[in-house]
PDB file of N, CA and C in Angstrom:
ATOM      1  N   MET A   1       0.803  -1.065  -0.229  1.00  0.00           N
ATOM      2  CA  MET A   1       0.177   0.101   0.202  1.00  0.00           C
ATOM      3  C   MET A   1       1.144   1.437   0.046  1.00  0.00           C
ATOM      4  N   THR A   2       0.730   2.129  -0.747  1.00  0.00           N
ATOM      5  CA  THR A   2       1.115   3.218  -1.084  1.00  0.00           C
ATOM      6  C   THR A   2       0.430   4.629  -0.162  1.00  0.00           C
ATOM      7  N   THR A   3       1.218   5.307   0.246  1.00  0.00           N
ATOM      8  CA  THR A   3       0.703   6.448   0.924  1.00  0.00           C
ATOM      9  C   THR A   3       0.431   7.728   0.117  1.00  0.00           C
ATOM     10  N   ALA A   4      -0.311   8.762   0.004  1.00  0.00           N
ATOM     11  CA  ALA A   4      -0.618   9.602  -0.550  1.00  0.00           C
ATOM     12  C   ALA A   4       0.710  10.858  -0.218  1.00  0.00           C
ATOM     13  N   TRP A   5       0.765  11.563  -1.458  1.00  0.00           N
ATOM     14  CA  TRP A   5       1.889  12.543  -1.214  1.00  0.00           C
ATOM     15  C   TRP A   5       1.306  13.404  -0.392  1.00  0.00           C
ATOM     16  N   GLU A   6       1.939  14.331   0.705  1.00  0.00           N
ATOM     17  CA  GLU A   6       1.629  15.159   1.221  1.00  0.00           C
ATOM     18  C   GLU A   6       2.682  16.251   1.205  1.00  0.00           C
ATOM     19  N   PRO A   7       2.199  17.360   0.495  1.00  0.00           N
ATOM     20  CA  PRO A   7       2.490  18.711   0.141  1.00  0.00           C
ATOM     21  C   PRO A   7       3.458  19.388   1.195  1.00  0.00           C
ATOM     22  N   TRP A   8       3.001  19.463   2.351  1.00  0.00           N
ATOM     23  CA  TRP A   8       3.569  20.329   3.739  1.00  0.00           C
ATOM     24  C   TRP A   8       3.872  19.768   4.341  1.00  0.00           C
ATOM     25  N   SER A   9       4.438  17.918   4.429  1.00  0.00           N
ATOM     26  CA  SER A   9       5.001  17.475   5.456  1.00  0.00           C
ATOM     27  C   SER A   9       6.263  16.757   4.785  1.00  0.00           C
ATOM     28  N   TYR A  10       6.977  16.698   5.787  1.00  0.00           N
ATOM     29  CA  TYR A  10       8.820  15.980   5.022  1.00  0.00           C
ATOM     30  C   TYR A  10       8.265  14.775   5.079  1.00  0.00           C
ATOM     31  N   ARG A  11       8.996  13.870   4.140  1.00  0.00           N
ATOM     32  CA  ARG A  11       8.932  12.438   4.098  1.00  0.00           C
ATOM     33  C   ARG A  11       9.794  11.735   5.317  1.00  0.00           C
ATOM     34  N   GLU A  12       9.265  10.488   5.013  1.00  0.00           N
ATOM     35  CA  GLU A  12      10.190   9.713   6.040  1.00  0.00           C
ATOM     36  C   GLU A  12      11.722   9.768   5.492  1.00  0.00           C
ATOM     37  N   SER A  13      12.209  10.131   4.141  1.00  0.00           N
ATOM     38  CA  SER A  13      13.655   9.744   3.893  1.00  0.00           C
ATOM     39  C   SER A  13      14.507  11.257   3.696  1.00  0.00           C
ATOM     40  N   ALA A  14      13.471  12.037   4.414  1.00  0.00           N
ATOM     41  CA  ALA A  14      14.357  13.418   4.307  1.00  0.00           C
ATOM     42  C   ALA A  14      14.752  13.667   6.113  1.00  0.00           C
ATOM     43  N   THR A  15      14.186  12.685   6.810  1.00  0.00           N
ATOM     44  CA  THR A  15      14.559  12.648   7.989  1.00  0.00           C
ATOM     45  C   THR A  15      14.390  13.993   8.803  1.00  0.00           C
ATOM     46  N   ARG A  16      13.488  14.673   8.442  1.00  0.00           N
ATOM     47  CA  ARG A  16      13.336  15.960   9.331  1.00  0.00           C
ATOM     48  C   ARG A  16      12.119  15.506  10.305  1.00  0.00           C
ATOM     49  N   THR A  17      12.430  16.038  11.434  1.00  0.00           N
ATOM     50  CA  THR A  17      11.062  16.130  12.277  1.00  0.00           C
ATOM     51  C   THR A  17      11.184  17.642  13.243  1.00  0.00           C
ATOM     52  N   PRO A  18       9.831  17.533  13.353  1.00  0.00           N
ATOM     53  CA  PRO A  18       9.641  19.377  14.157  1.00  0.00           C
ATOM     54  C   PRO A  18      10.813  19.487  15.208  1.00  0.00           C
ATOM     55  N   GLY A  19      11.454  20.587  15.348  1.00  0.00           N
ATOM     56  CA  GLY A  19      12.570  20.740  16.260  1.00  0.00           C
ATOM     57  C   GLY A  19      13.908  20.825  15.809  1.00  0.00           C
ATOM     58  N   SER A  20      14.018  20.129  14.193  1.00  0.00           N
ATOM     59  CA  SER A  20      15.364  19.762  13.773  1.00  0.00           C
ATOM     60  C   SER A  20      16.214  20.958  13.459  1.00  0.00           C
ATOM     61  N   ALA A  21      17.662  20.985  13.644  1.00  0.00           N
ATOM     62  CA  ALA A  21      18.103  22.403  13.275  1.00  0.00           C
ATOM     63  C   ALA A  21      17.744  22.968  12.077  1.00  0.00           C
ATOM     64  N   SER A  22      17.768  24.266  11.962  1.00  0.00           N
ATOM     65  CA  SER A  22      17.344  24.729  10.909  1.00  0.00           C
ATOM     66  C   SER A  22      18.101  24.919   9.422  1.00  0.00           C
ATOM     67  N   LEU A  23      17.338  24.686   8.502  1.00  0.00           N
ATOM     68  CA  LEU A  23      17.871  24.235   7.008  1.00  0.00           C
ATOM     69  C   LEU A  23      18.024  25.840   6.457  1.00  0.00           C
ATOM     70  N   VAL A  24      18.161  26.920   6.877  1.00  0.00           N
ATOM     71  CA  VAL A  24      18.326  28.277   6.361  1.00  0.00           C
ATOM     72  C   VAL A  24      20.037  28.507   5.992  1.00  0.00           C
ATOM     73  N   GLY A  25      20.440  28.248   4.429  1.00  0.00           N
ATOM     74  CA  GLY A  25      21.713  28.220   4.121  1.00  0.00           C
ATOM     75  C   GLY A  25      22.160  27.260   3.415  1.00  0.00           C
ATOM     76  N   TYR A  26      21.255  26.272   3.675  1.00  0.00           N
ATOM     77  CA  TYR A  26      21.583  24.967   3.131  1.00  0.00           C
ATOM     78  C   TYR A  26      21.543  25.153   1.622  1.00  0.00           C
ATOM     79  N   HIS A  27      22.535  24.578   0.580  1.00  0.00           N
ATOM     80  CA  HIS A  27      22.231  24.735  -0.888  1.00  0.00           C
ATOM     81  C   HIS A  27      21.196  23.237  -1.299  1.00  0.00           C
ATOM     82  N   VAL A  28      20.159  23.793  -2.032  1.00  0.00           N
ATOM     83  CA  VAL A  28      19.544  22.955  -2.726  1.00  0.00           C
ATOM     84  C   VAL A  28      19.795  22.290  -4.140  1.00  0.00           C
ATOM     85  N   HIS A  29      19.529  20.748  -4.417  1.00  0.00           N
ATOM     86  CA  HIS A  29      20.129  20.365  -5.501  1.00  0.00           C
ATOM     87  C   HIS A  29      18.566  19.775  -5.951  1.00  0.00           C
ATOM     88  N   ALA A  30      18.414  20.393  -7.385  1.00  0.00           N
ATOM     89  CA  ALA A  30      17.552  19.352  -8.111  1.00  0.00           C
ATOM     90  C   ALA A  30      18.063  18.007  -8.523  1.00  0.00           C
ATOM     91  N   THR A  31      17.085  17.581  -9.278  1.00  0.00           N
ATOM     92  CA  THR A  31      17.793  16.279  -9.705  1.00  0.00           C
ATOM     93  C   THR A  31      18.383  16.699 -11.215  1.00  0.00           C
ATOM     94  N   ASP A  32      18.602  17.535 -11.582  1.00  0.00           N
ATOM     95  CA  ASP A  32      19.898  18.107 -12.625  1.00  0.00           C
ATOM     96  C   ASP A  32      20.736  19.387 -12.283  1.00  0.00           C
ATOM     97  N   GLY A  33      20.761  19.589 -11.012  1.00  0.00           N
ATOM     98  CA  GLY A  33      21.919  20.291 -10.600  1.00  0.00           C
ATOM     99  C   GLY A  33      21.273  21.434  -9.504  1.00  0.00           C
ATOM    100  N   ASP A  34      22.347  22.205  -8.926  1.00  0.00           N
ATOM    101  CA  ASP A  34      22.050  23.157  -7.911  1.00  0.00           C
ATOM    102  C   ASP A  34      21.049  24.259  -8.283  1.00  0.00           C
ATOM    103  N   ILE A  35      20.390  24.654  -7.489  1.00  0.00           N
ATOM    104  CA  ILE A  35      19.531  26.064  -7.799  1.00  0.00           C
ATOM    105  C   ILE A  35      19.362  27.106  -6.777  1.00  0.00           C
ATOM    106  N   GLY A  36      20.427  26.868  -5.600  1.00  0.00           N
ATOM    107  CA  GLY A  36      20.343  28.209  -4.658  1.00  0.00           C
ATOM    108  C   GLY A  36      20.451  27.617  -3.347  1.00  0.00           C
ATOM    109  N   LYS A  37      19.873  28.702  -2.398  1.00  0.00           N
ATOM    110  CA  LYS A  37      20.475  28.503  -1.263  1.00  0.00           C
ATOM    111  C   LYS A  37      18.943  28.600  -0.382  1.00  0.00           C
ATOM    112  N   ILE A  38      18.698  28.079   0.652  1.00  0.00           N
ATOM    113  CA  ILE A  38      17.512  28.484   1.583  1.00  0.00           C
ATOM    114  C   ILE A  38      17.798  29.381   2.005  1.00  0.00           C
ATOM    115  N   ASP A  39      16.506  30.201   1.577  1.00  0.00           N
ATOM    116  CA  ASP A  39      16.811  31.474   2.549  1.00  0.00           C
ATOM    117  C   ASP A  39      15.562  31.408   3.939  1.00  0.00           C
ATOM    118  N   GLU A  40      14.540  30.768   3.810  1.00  0.00           N
ATOM    119  CA  GLU A  40      13.807  30.779   4.839  1.00  0.00           C
ATOM    120  C   GLU A  40      12.910  29.021   4.802  1.00  0.00           C
ATOM    121  N   ALA A  41      12.959  28.413   6.202  1.00  0.00           N
ATOM    122  CA  ALA A  41      12.440  27.627   6.262  1.00  0.00           C
ATOM    123  C   ALA A  41      11.491  27.232   7.279  1.00  0.00           C
ATOM    124  N   SER A  42      10.761  26.406   7.283  1.00  0.00           N
ATOM    125  CA  SER A  42       9.207  26.561   8.084  1.00  0.00           C
ATOM    126  C   SER A  42       9.305  24.980   8.528  1.00  0.00           C
ATOM    127  N   ASP A  43       8.693  24.469   9.560  1.00  0.00           N
ATOM    128  CA  ASP A  43       8.869  23.157   9.789  1.00  0.00           C
ATOM    129  C   ASP A  43       7.521  23.075  11.007  1.00  0.00           C
ATOM    130  N   GLN A  44       6.711  24.137  10.432  1.00  0.00           N
ATOM    131  CA  GLN A  44       5.195  24.200  11.270  1.00  0.00           C
ATOM    132  C   GLN A  44       4.390  22.839  10.824  1.00  0.00           C
ATOM    133  N   VAL A  45       4.331  22.108  11.608  1.00  0.00           N
ATOM    134  CA  VAL A  45       3.105  21.034  11.007  1.00  0.00           C
ATOM    135  C   VAL A  45       1.943  21.531  10.060  1.00  0.00           C
ATOM    136  N   GLY A  46       1.892  20.687   8.979  1.00  0.00           N
ATOM    137  CA  GLY A  46       0.849  21.171   8.243  1.00  0.00           C
ATOM    138  C   GLY A  46       1.219  21.950   7.165  1.00  0.00           C
ATOM    139  N   GLU A  47       2.328  22.616   7.497  1.00  0.00           N
ATOM    140  CA  GLU A  47       2.593  23.941   6.172  1.00  0.00           C
ATOM    141  C   GLU A  47       4.225  24.005   6.291  1.00  0.00           C
ATOM    142  N   SER A  48       4.781  22.931   6.311  1.00  0.00           N
ATOM    143  CA  SER A  48       6.625  22.415   6.650  1.00  0.00           C
ATOM    144  C   SER A  48       6.757  22.995   4.609  1.00  0.00           C
ATOM    145  N   ASN A  49       7.518  24.242   4.570  1.00  0.00           N
ATOM    146  CA  ASN A  49       8.428  24.618   3.407  1.00  0.00           C
ATOM    147  C   ASN A  49       9.627  25.136   3.523  1.00  0.00           C
ATOM    148  N   ILE A  50      10.502  25.389   2.273  1.00  0.00           N
ATOM    149  CA  ILE A  50      11.351  26.091   2.076  1.00  0.00           C
ATOM    150  C   ILE A  50      11.450  27.146   1.023  1.00  0.00           C
ATOM    151  N   VAL A  51      12.313  28.439   1.457  1.00  0.00           N
ATOM    152  CA  VAL A  51      11.929  29.203   0.337  1.00  0.00           C
ATOM    153  C   VAL A  51      13.421  29.155  -0.457  1.00  0.00           C
ATOM    154  N   VAL A  52      13.423  28.971  -1.409  1.00  0.00           N
ATOM    155  CA  VAL A  52      15.204  28.755  -1.912  1.00  0.00           C
ATOM    156  C   VAL A  52      15.303  30.345  -2.455  1.00  0.00           C
ATOM    157  N   ASP A  53      16.331  30.985  -2.551  1.00  0.00           N
ATOM    158  CA  ASP A  53      17.028  32.010  -3.136  1.00  0.00           C
ATOM    159  C   ASP A  53      17.644  31.664  -4.388  1.00  0.00           C
ATOM    160  N   THR A  54      17.166  31.478  -5.450  1.00  0.00           N
ATOM    161  CA  THR A  54      17.784  31.204  -6.695  1.00  0.00           C
ATOM    162  C   THR A  54      19.290  31.683  -7.325  1.00  0.00           C
ATOM    163  N   GLY A  55      19.275  33.251  -6.648  1.00  0.00           N
ATOM    164  CA  GLY A  55      20.348  33.903  -7.232  1.00  0.00           C
ATOM    165  C   GLY A  55      20.295  34.028  -8.432  1.00  0.00           C
ATOM    166  N   PRO A  56      21.389  33.952  -9.172  1.00  0.00           N
ATOM    167  CA  PRO A  56      21.603  34.184 -10.944  1.00  0.00           C
ATOM    168  C   PRO A  56      20.792  33.479 -11.734  1.00  0.00           C
ATOM    169  N   TRP A  57      20.652  32.423 -11.236  1.00  0.00           N
ATOM    170  CA  TRP A  57      20.123  30.935 -12.058  1.00  0.00           C
ATOM    171  C   TRP A  57      18.854  31.679 -12.750  1.00  0.00           C
ATOM    172  N   ILE A  58      17.860  31.947 -11.738  1.00  0.00           N
ATOM    173  CA  ILE A  58      16.651  32.650 -12.427  1.00  0.00           C
ATOM    174  C   ILE A  58      16.303  33.761 -12.087  1.00  0.00           C
ATOM    175  N   PHE A  59      17.477  34.701 -12.577  1.00  0.00           N
ATOM    176  CA  PHE A  59      17.629  36.291 -12.081  1.00  0.00           C
ATOM    177  C   PHE A  59      16.888  36.815 -10.437  1.00  0.00           C
ATOM    178  N   GLY A  60      17.559  35.801  -9.444  1.00  0.00           N
ATOM    179  CA  GLY A  60      17.312  36.382  -8.234  1.00  0.00           C
ATOM    180  C   GLY A  60      15.874  35.721  -8.023  1.00  0.00           C
ATOM    181  N   ARG A  61      15.356  35.242  -8.384  1.00  0.00           N
ATOM    182  CA  ARG A  61      13.954  34.943  -8.235  1.00  0.00           C
ATOM    183  C   ARG A  61      13.943  33.648  -6.633  1.00  0.00           C
ATOM    184  N   LYS A  62      12.904  34.496  -5.860  1.00  0.00           N
ATOM    185  CA  LYS A  62      12.822  33.035  -4.944  1.00  0.00           C
ATOM    186  C   LYS A  62      11.617  32.205  -5.216  1.00  0.00           C
ATOM    187  N   VAL A  63      11.713  30.844  -4.862  1.00  0.00           N
ATOM    188  CA  VAL A  63      10.429  30.043  -5.133  1.00  0.00           C
ATOM    189  C   VAL A  63      10.211  29.221  -3.862  1.00  0.00           C
ATOM    190  N   ILE A  64       9.106  28.978  -3.749  1.00  0.00           N
ATOM    191  CA  ILE A  64       8.658  28.271  -2.380  1.00  0.00           C
ATOM    192  C   ILE A  64       8.631  26.523  -2.707  1.00  0.00           C
ATOM    193  N   LEU A  65       9.058  26.080  -2.217  1.00  0.00           N
ATOM    194  CA  LEU A  65       8.781  24.613  -2.256  1.00  0.00           C
ATOM    195  C   LEU A  65       8.465  23.709  -0.880  1.00  0.00           C
ATOM    196  N   PRO A  66       7.114  22.617  -1.510  1.00  0.00           N
ATOM    197  CA  PRO A  66       6.625  22.441  -0.203  1.00  0.00           C
ATOM    198  C   PRO A  66       7.444  21.319   0.765  1.00  0.00           C
ATOM    199  N   ALA A  67       7.746  20.971   1.566  1.00  0.00           N
ATOM    200  CA  ALA A  67       8.635  20.277   2.510  1.00  0.00           C
ATOM    201  C   ALA A  67       8.227  18.600   1.533  1.00  0.00           C
ATOM    202  N   GLY A  68       7.310  18.299   1.390  1.00  0.00           N
ATOM    203  CA  GLY A  68       6.849  17.163   0.218  1.00  0.00           C
ATOM    204  C   GLY A  68       7.392  16.505  -0.615  1.00  0.00           C
ATOM    205  N   VAL A  69       8.425  18.072  -1.393  1.00  0.00           N
ATOM    206  CA  VAL A  69       9.604  17.498  -2.451  1.00  0.00           C
ATOM    207  C   VAL A  69      10.650  17.359  -2.136  1.00  0.00           C
ATOM    208  N   VAL A  70      11.242  17.435  -0.880  1.00  0.00           N
ATOM    209  CA  VAL A  70      12.484  17.273  -0.336  1.00  0.00           C
ATOM    210  C   VAL A  70      12.848  15.561  -0.184  1.00  0.00           C
ATOM    211  N   GLU A  71      13.659  15.256  -1.161  1.00  0.00           N
ATOM    212  CA  GLU A  71      13.846  13.671  -1.035  1.00  0.00           C
ATOM    213  C   GLU A  71      14.717  13.316   0.171  1.00  0.00           C
ATOM    214  N   ARG A  72      16.066  14.041   0.550  1.00  0.00           N
ATOM    215  CA  ARG A  72      16.566  14.130   1.435  1.00  0.00           C
ATOM    216  C   ARG A  72      17.355  15.224   2.101  1.00  0.00           C
ATOM    217  N   VAL A  73      18.095  15.100   3.426  1.00  0.00           N
ATOM    218  CA  VAL A  73      18.622  16.482   3.638  1.00  0.00           C
ATOM    219  C   VAL A  73      19.873  15.840   4.272  1.00  0.00           C
ATOM    220  N   ASP A  74      21.024  16.328   3.885  1.00  0.00           N
ATOM    221  CA  ASP A  74      22.310  16.003   4.213  1.00  0.00           C
ATOM    222  C   ASP A  74      22.804  16.970   5.166  1.00  0.00           C
ATOM    223  N   ASP A  75      22.675  16.916   6.635  1.00  0.00           N
ATOM    224  CA  ASP A  75      23.219  17.814   7.321  1.00  0.00           C
ATOM    225  C   ASP A  75      24.843  18.098   7.387  1.00  0.00           C
ATOM    226  N   ALA A  76      25.646  16.708   7.028  1.00  0.00           N
ATOM    227  CA  ALA A  76      26.634  16.842   7.330  1.00  0.00           C
ATOM    228  C   ALA A  76      27.312  17.859   6.088  1.00  0.00           C
ATOM    229  N   ASP A  77      26.944  17.847   4.884  1.00  0.00           N
ATOM    230  CA  ASP A  77      27.189  18.778   3.982  1.00  0.00           C
ATOM    231  C   ASP A  77      26.078  20.357   3.761  1.00  0.00           C
ATOM    232  N   GLN A  78      25.420  19.893   4.140  1.00  0.00           N
ATOM    233  CA  GLN A  78      24.377  21.121   4.293  1.00  0.00           C
ATOM    234  C   GLN A  78      23.974  21.463   3.054  1.00  0.00           C
ATOM    235  N   LYS A  79      23.058  19.941   2.671  1.00  0.00           N
ATOM    236  CA  LYS A  79      22.515  20.119   1.325  1.00  0.00           C
ATOM    237  C   LYS A  79      21.093  19.288   1.453  1.00  0.00           C
ATOM    238  N   VAL A  80      19.932  20.017   0.706  1.00  0.00           N
ATOM    239  CA  VAL A  80      18.963  19.453   0.497  1.00  0.00           C
ATOM    240  C   VAL A  80      18.589  19.089  -0.521  1.00  0.00           C
ATOM    241  N   TYR A  81      18.169  18.129  -1.079  1.00  0.00           N
ATOM    242  CA  TYR A  81      18.346  17.324  -2.366  1.00  0.00           C
ATOM    243  C   TYR A  81      16.313  17.134  -2.596  1.00  0.00           C
ATOM    244  N   VAL A  82      16.036  17.558  -3.763  1.00  0.00           N
ATOM    245  CA  VAL A  82      14.601  17.435  -4.060  1.00  0.00           C
ATOM    246  C   VAL A  82      14.612  17.107  -5.431  1.00  0.00           C
ATOM    247  N   ASP A  83      13.337  16.304  -5.415  1.00  0.00           N
ATOM    248  CA  ASP A  83      13.231  15.139  -6.733  1.00  0.00           C
ATOM    249  C   ASP A  83      12.549  15.603  -8.195  1.00  0.00           C
ATOM    250  N   LEU A  84      12.933  16.922  -8.051  1.00  0.00           N
ATOM    251  CA  LEU A  84      12.292  17.681  -9.093  1.00  0.00           C
ATOM    252  C   LEU A  84      13.416  18.458 -10.266  1.00  0.00           C
ATOM    253  N   THR A  85      13.246  18.427 -11.340  1.00  0.00           N
ATOM    254  CA  THR A  85      14.152  19.179 -12.138  1.00  0.00           C
ATOM    255  C   THR A  85      13.877  20.651 -11.974  1.00  0.00           C
ATOM    256  N   LYS A  86      15.066  21.425 -12.592  1.00  0.00           N
ATOM    257  CA  LYS A  86      15.182  22.986 -12.668  1.00  0.00           C
ATOM    258  C   LYS A  86      13.911  23.439 -13.406  1.00  0.00           C
ATOM    259  N   ASP A  87      13.598  22.992 -14.567  1.00  0.00           N
ATOM    260  CA  ASP A  87      12.412  23.582 -15.180  1.00  0.00           C
ATOM    261  C   ASP A  87      11.152  23.704 -14.676  1.00  0.00           C
ATOM    262  N   GLN A  88      11.145  22.351 -13.629  1.00  0.00           N
ATOM    263  CA  GLN A  88       9.766  22.038 -13.089  1.00  0.00           C
ATOM    264  C   GLN A  88       9.591  23.471 -12.009  1.00  0.00           C
ATOM    265  N   ILE A  89      10.723  23.278 -10.933  1.00  0.00           N
ATOM    266  CA  ILE A  89      11.231  24.358 -10.106  1.00  0.00           C
ATOM    267  C   ILE A  89      10.777  26.102 -11.013  1.00  0.00           C
ATOM    268  N   LYS A  90      11.670  25.932 -11.770  1.00  0.00           N
ATOM    269  CA  LYS A  90      11.548  27.535 -12.827  1.00  0.00           C
ATOM    270  C   LYS A  90      10.026  27.923 -13.080  1.00  0.00           C
ATOM    271  N   ASN A  91       9.581  27.227 -13.260  1.00  0.00           N
ATOM    272  CA  ASN A  91       7.590  26.850 -13.655  1.00  0.00           C
ATOM    273  C   ASN A  91       7.020  27.182 -12.673  1.00  0.00           C
ATOM    274  N   SER A  92       7.389  27.209 -11.367  1.00  0.00           N
ATOM    275  CA  SER A  92       6.288  27.309 -10.352  1.00  0.00           C
ATOM    276  C   SER A  92       5.723  28.701 -10.028  1.00  0.00           C
ATOM    277  N   PRO A  93       4.654  28.592  -9.480  1.00  0.00           N
ATOM    278  CA  PRO A  93       3.910  30.249  -8.747  1.00  0.00           C
ATOM    279  C   PRO A  93       5.108  31.140  -8.734  1.00  0.00           C
ATOM    280  N   ASP A  94       4.762  32.205  -8.761  1.00  0.00           N
ATOM    281  CA  ASP A  94       5.818  33.047  -8.580  1.00  0.00           C
ATOM    282  C   ASP A  94       5.682  33.499  -7.009  1.00  0.00           C
ATOM    283  N   LEU A  95       6.415  33.677  -6.497  1.00  0.00           N
ATOM    284  CA  LEU A  95       7.041  34.470  -5.100  1.00  0.00           C
ATOM    285  C   LEU A  95       7.658  35.731  -5.046  1.00  0.00           C
ATOM    286  N   ASP A  96       6.793  36.680  -4.454  1.00  0.00           N
ATOM    287  CA  ASP A  96       7.541  38.114  -4.793  1.00  0.00           C
ATOM    288  C   ASP A  96       6.932  38.855  -3.597  1.00  0.00           C
ATOM    289  N   GLU A  97       7.243  39.619  -3.140  1.00  0.00           N
ATOM    290  CA  GLU A  97       7.087  40.972  -2.067  1.00  0.00           C
ATOM    291  C   GLU A  97       5.161  41.110  -1.918  1.00  0.00           C
ATOM    292  N   SER A  98       4.393  40.998  -2.819  1.00  0.00           N
ATOM    293  CA  SER A  98       3.266  41.241  -2.494  1.00  0.00           C
ATOM    294  C   SER A  98       2.208  39.693  -2.513  1.00  0.00           C
ATOM    295  N   THR A  99       3.404  38.352  -2.212  1.00  0.00           N
ATOM    296  CA  THR A  99       2.400  37.250  -2.297  1.00  0.00           C
ATOM    297  C   THR A  99       3.462  36.705  -0.786  1.00  0.00           C
ATOM    298  N   THR A 100       2.624  36.063  -0.118  1.00  0.00           N
ATOM    299  CA  THR A 100       2.748  35.484   1.362  1.00  0.00           C
ATOM    300  C   THR A 100       2.480  34.265   1.507  1.00  0.00           C
ATOM    301  N   PHE A 101       2.991  33.398   1.900  1.00  0.00           N
ATOM    302  CA  PHE A 101       2.406  31.896   2.421  1.00  0.00           C
ATOM    303  C   PHE A 101       1.645  31.651   2.737  1.00  0.00           C
ATOM    304  N   ASP A 102       0.716  32.840   3.939  1.00  0.00           N
ATOM    305  CA  ASP A 102      -0.398  32.644   4.689  1.00  0.00           C
ATOM    306  C   ASP A 102      -1.556  33.221   3.708  1.00  0.00           C
ATOM    307  N   ASP A 103      -1.484  33.649   2.283  1.00  0.00           N
ATOM    308  CA  ASP A 103      -2.146  33.715   1.603  1.00  0.00           C
ATOM    309  C   ASP A 103      -2.770  32.677   1.010  1.00  0.00           C
ATOM    310  N   PRO A 104      -4.250  31.976   1.401  1.00  0.00           N
ATOM    311  CA  PRO A 104      -4.699  30.600   0.808  1.00  0.00           C
ATOM    312  C   PRO A 104      -4.547  30.536  -0.409  1.00  0.00           C
ATOM    313  N   THR A 105      -4.849  31.354  -1.439  1.00  0.00           N
ATOM    314  CA  THR A 105      -4.966  31.000  -2.985  1.00  0.00           C
ATOM    315  C   THR A 105      -3.637  30.961  -3.093  1.00  0.00           C
ATOM    316  N   TYR A 106      -2.467  31.658  -3.175  1.00  0.00           N
ATOM    317  CA  TYR A 106      -1.274  31.471  -3.309  1.00  0.00           C
ATOM    318  C   TYR A 106      -0.548  30.093  -2.756  1.00  0.00           C
ATOM    319  N   ARG A 107      -1.124  29.853  -1.428  1.00  0.00           N
ATOM    320  CA  ARG A 107      -0.798  28.241  -0.749  1.00  0.00           C
ATOM    321  C   ARG A 107      -1.359  26.892  -1.832  1.00  0.00           C
ATOM    322  N   ASP A 108      -2.255  27.288  -1.853  1.00  0.00           N
ATOM    323  CA  ASP A 108      -3.352  25.915  -2.555  1.00  0.00           C
ATOM    324  C   ASP A 108      -2.689  26.024  -4.081  1.00  0.00           C
ATOM    325  N   SER A 109      -2.309  27.140  -4.743  1.00  0.00           N
ATOM    326  CA  SER A 109      -1.591  27.201  -6.207  1.00  0.00           C
ATOM    327  C   SER A 109      -0.220  26.244  -6.346  1.00  0.00           C
ATOM    328  N   VAL A 110       0.463  27.041  -5.006  1.00  0.00           N
ATOM    329  CA  VAL A 110       1.864  25.874  -5.132  1.00  0.00           C
ATOM    330  C   VAL A 110       1.493  24.921  -4.863  1.00  0.00           C
ATOM    331  N   GLY A 111       0.447  24.275  -3.892  1.00  0.00           N
ATOM    332  CA  GLY A 111       0.030  22.628  -3.657  1.00  0.00           C
ATOM    333  C   GLY A 111      -0.343  21.722  -4.623  1.00  0.00           C
ATOM    334  N   THR A 112      -0.669  22.461  -5.635  1.00  0.00           N
ATOM    335  CA  THR A 112      -1.610  21.938  -6.911  1.00  0.00           C
ATOM    336  C   THR A 112      -0.443  21.822  -7.920  1.00  0.00           C
ATOM    337  N   TYR A 113       0.211  22.805  -8.069  1.00  0.00           N
ATOM    338  CA  TYR A 113       1.507  22.785  -8.905  1.00  0.00           C
ATOM    339  C   TYR A 113       2.661  21.766  -8.771  1.00  0.00           C
ATOM    340  N   TYR A 114       3.193  21.673  -7.351  1.00  0.00           N
ATOM    341  CA  TYR A 114       3.825  20.523  -7.582  1.00  0.00           C
ATOM    342  C   TYR A 114       3.157  19.109  -7.200  1.00  0.00           C
ATOM    343  N   GLY A 115       1.878  19.147  -6.625  1.00  0.00           N
ATOM    344  CA  GLY A 115       0.775  18.004  -6.681  1.00  0.00           C
ATOM    345  C   GLY A 115       0.962  17.204  -8.111  1.00  0.00           C
ATOM    346  N   GLY A 116       1.262  18.021  -8.772  1.00  0.00           N
ATOM    347  CA  GLY A 116       0.727  17.610 -10.166  1.00  0.00           C
ATOM    348  C   GLY A 116       2.161  16.402 -10.622  1.00  0.00           C
ATOM    349  N   PHE A 117       3.263  16.697  -9.916  1.00  0.00           N
ATOM    350  CA  PHE A 117       4.404  15.640 -10.098  1.00  0.00           C
ATOM    351  C   PHE A 117       3.947  14.432  -9.381  1.00  0.00           C
ATOM    352  N   TYR A 118       3.170  14.214  -8.750  1.00  0.00           N
ATOM    353  CA  TYR A 118       3.189  13.196  -7.854  1.00  0.00           C
ATOM    354  C   TYR A 118       1.867  11.797  -7.550  1.00  0.00           C
ATOM    355  N   LEU A 119       0.985  12.551  -8.872  1.00  0.00           N
ATOM    356  CA  LEU A 119      -0.155  11.818  -9.110  1.00  0.00           C
ATOM    357  C   LEU A 119       0.109  10.215  -9.279  1.00  0.00           C
TER     358      LEU A 119
END
């Protein structure tokens, strides 16, 4: 029996538990290369996510990744591995100063976008 993908919760393979050390500053790697560094991270139950500053890769854009896309965390090397491609991340819903994670419409759009890869 397989369990449904939970966008806002870390997978068991990510070995993240509430109260773990902060992921801020960790490098994030997609399946096809580095995408940037974690600028913000939330371990709030049911709302866990990371905000990645992509730097020059996509013109300094920040992207929000639900915790459910995190495949594993390497605390020793301060790296987070996600099981998405750069293009999948690049095409995600925009995150800018006028958008907040608290906005239910934005949060739903992010969950729906990434959820499409886990059906």
